[in-house]
Amino acid sequence: MPKRMLQGTVVSDKQDKTVIVRVERRFTHPLLKKTVRRTKNYHAHDESNEFSVGDIVWIEEHRPISRLKRWAVARGEKRAK
């Protein structure tokens, strides 16, 4: 079974080898029929401390690395500074 991939934005890089990624999902509300945005934060493993706040990254499922980390950064795009 393939690993799930999610796209999100790095919101914190203060921890060593860890980034916190905010993933947004959109869906239509079943009763109101309006588009609703929901976000969730994921702790992802970033081995080389390559990504910083504002970068767009793709994370994939991984075996548990620590208490909170179940995702690893697969690839990403640096934000122009």
C-alpha atoms as a PDB file:
ATOM      1  CA  MET A   1       0.000   0.000   0.000  1.00  0.00           C
ATOM      2  CA  PRO A   2       1.475   3.381  -0.938  1.00  0.00           C
ATOM      3  CA  LYS A   3       2.315   5.914   1.719  1.00  0.00           C
ATOM      4  CA  ARG A   4       0.054   8.926   2.092  1.00  0.00           C
ATOM      5  CA  MET A   5       1.487  12.247   0.907  1.00  0.00           C
ATOM      6  CA  LEU A   6       0.319  15.628   2.174  1.00  0.00           C
ATOM      7  CA  GLN A   7       1.282  19.130   1.077  1.00  0.00           C
ATOM      8  CA  GLY A   8       1.629  21.938   3.566  1.00  0.00           C
ATOM      9  CA  THR A   9       3.531  24.978   4.753  1.00  0.00           C
ATOM     10  CA  VAL A  10       6.257  24.961   7.393  1.00  0.00           C
ATOM     11  CA  VAL A  11       5.111  27.017  10.379  1.00  0.00           C
ATOM     12  CA  SER A  12       7.959  26.237  12.802  1.00  0.00           C
ATOM     13  CA  ASP A  13      11.564  25.030  12.500  1.00  0.00           C
ATOM     14  CA  LYS A  14      12.816  25.705  16.038  1.00  0.00           C
ATOM     15  CA  GLN A  15      13.354  22.032  16.912  1.00  0.00           C
ATOM     16  CA  ASP A  16      16.388  20.089  15.750  1.00  0.00           C
ATOM     17  CA  LYS A  17      15.655  17.851  12.717  1.00  0.00           C
ATOM     18  CA  THR A  18      11.938  18.601  13.037  1.00  0.00           C
ATOM     19  CA  VAL A  19       9.565  20.932  11.227  1.00  0.00           C
ATOM     20  CA  ILE A  20       5.931  21.584  12.008  1.00  0.00           C
ATOM     21  CA  VAL A  21       3.832  21.572   8.855  1.00  0.00           C
ATOM     22  CA  ARG A  22       0.353  23.090   8.573  1.00  0.00           C
ATOM     23  CA  VAL A  23      -1.827  21.095   6.158  1.00  0.00           C
ATOM     24  CA  GLU A  24      -5.069  22.621   4.925  1.00  0.00           C
ATOM     25  CA  ARG A  25      -7.985  20.615   3.603  1.00  0.00           C
ATOM     26  CA  ARG A  26     -11.119  21.959   1.949  1.00  0.00           C
ATOM     27  CA  PHE A  27     -14.499  20.299   1.794  1.00  0.00           C
ATOM     28  CA  THR A  28     -18.096  21.207   1.167  1.00  0.00           C
ATOM     29  CA  HIS A  29     -20.207  21.394   4.308  1.00  0.00           C
ATOM     30  CA  PRO A  30     -22.969  18.789   4.022  1.00  0.00           C
ATOM     31  CA  LEU A  31     -25.764  21.057   5.283  1.00  0.00           C
ATOM     32  CA  LEU A  32     -24.650  24.581   4.434  1.00  0.00           C
ATOM     33  CA  LYS A  33     -23.108  23.677   1.046  1.00  0.00           C
ATOM     34  CA  LYS A  34     -20.282  26.132   1.640  1.00  0.00           C
ATOM     35  CA  THR A  35     -16.584  25.414   1.222  1.00  0.00           C
ATOM     36  CA  VAL A  36     -14.963  24.990   4.635  1.00  0.00           C
ATOM     37  CA  ARG A  37     -11.226  25.162   5.352  1.00  0.00           C
ATOM     38  CA  ARG A  38      -9.731  23.059   8.134  1.00  0.00           C
ATOM     39  CA  THR A  39      -6.066  22.947   9.116  1.00  0.00           C
ATOM     40  CA  LYS A  40      -4.012  20.458  11.061  1.00  0.00           C
ATOM     41  CA  ASN A  41      -0.386  20.582  12.204  1.00  0.00           C
ATOM     42  CA  TYR A  42       1.985  17.645  11.717  1.00  0.00           C
ATOM     43  CA  HIS A  43       5.465  17.150  13.182  1.00  0.00           C
ATOM     44  CA  ALA A  44       7.705  15.938  10.353  1.00  0.00           C
ATOM     45  CA  HIS A  45      11.287  14.698  10.313  1.00  0.00           C
ATOM     46  CA  ASP A  46      13.741  16.962   8.451  1.00  0.00           C
ATOM     47  CA  GLU A  47      17.118  15.204   8.704  1.00  0.00           C
ATOM     48  CA  SER A  48      19.298  18.029   7.370  1.00  0.00           C
ATOM     49  CA  ASN A  49      17.391  20.996   8.870  1.00  0.00           C
ATOM     50  CA  GLU A  50      16.935  22.131   5.271  1.00  0.00           C
ATOM     51  CA  PHE A  51      13.509  23.804   5.459  1.00  0.00           C
ATOM     52  CA  SER A  52      12.498  26.978   7.253  1.00  0.00           C
ATOM     53  CA  VAL A  53       9.290  28.860   8.008  1.00  0.00           C
ATOM     54  CA  GLY A  54       7.204  29.607   4.904  1.00  0.00           C
ATOM     55  CA  ASP A  55       8.576  26.799   2.711  1.00  0.00           C
ATOM     56  CA  ILE A  56       6.104  24.517   0.943  1.00  0.00           C
ATOM     57  CA  VAL A  57       6.833  20.839   1.623  1.00  0.00           C
ATOM     58  CA  TRP A  58       5.391  17.404   0.863  1.00  0.00           C
ATOM     59  CA  ILE A  59       5.382  14.999   3.787  1.00  0.00           C
ATOM     60  CA  GLU A  60       4.864  11.261   3.705  1.00  0.00           C
ATOM     61  CA  GLU A  61       3.883   8.688   6.282  1.00  0.00           C
ATOM     62  CA  HIS A  62       6.761   7.109   8.179  1.00  0.00           C
ATOM     63  CA  ARG A  63       7.201   4.681  11.004  1.00  0.00           C
ATOM     64  CA  PRO A  64       7.194   6.363  14.437  1.00  0.00           C
ATOM     65  CA  ILE A  65      10.404   8.368  14.848  1.00  0.00           C
ATOM     66  CA  SER A  66       9.564   9.902  18.231  1.00  0.00           C
ATOM     67  CA  ARG A  67       6.544  10.534  20.429  1.00  0.00           C
ATOM     68  CA  LEU A  68       4.997  13.028  17.988  1.00  0.00           C
ATOM     69  CA  LYS A  69       6.765  12.393  14.670  1.00  0.00           C
ATOM     70  CA  ARG A  70       4.997   9.984  12.309  1.00  0.00           C
ATOM     71  CA  TRP A  71       5.797  11.893   9.090  1.00  0.00           C
ATOM     72  CA  ALA A  72       8.960  12.691   7.140  1.00  0.00           C
ATOM     73  CA  VAL A  73       9.633  15.459   4.631  1.00  0.00           C
ATOM     74  CA  ALA A  74       9.770  13.939   1.134  1.00  0.00           C
ATOM     75  CA  ARG A  75      10.520  17.056  -0.892  1.00  0.00           C
ATOM     76  CA  GLY A  76       9.903  20.752  -0.825  1.00  0.00           C
ATOM     77  CA  GLU A  77      10.218  24.157  -2.417  1.00  0.00           C
ATOM     78  CA  LYS A  78      12.184  26.965  -0.838  1.00  0.00           C
ATOM     79  CA  ARG A  79      10.364  30.244  -0.411  1.00  0.00           C
ATOM     80  CA  ALA A  80      12.012  33.152  -2.238  1.00  0.00           C
ATOM     81  CA  LYS A  81      13.564  35.504   0.257  1.00  0.00           C
END
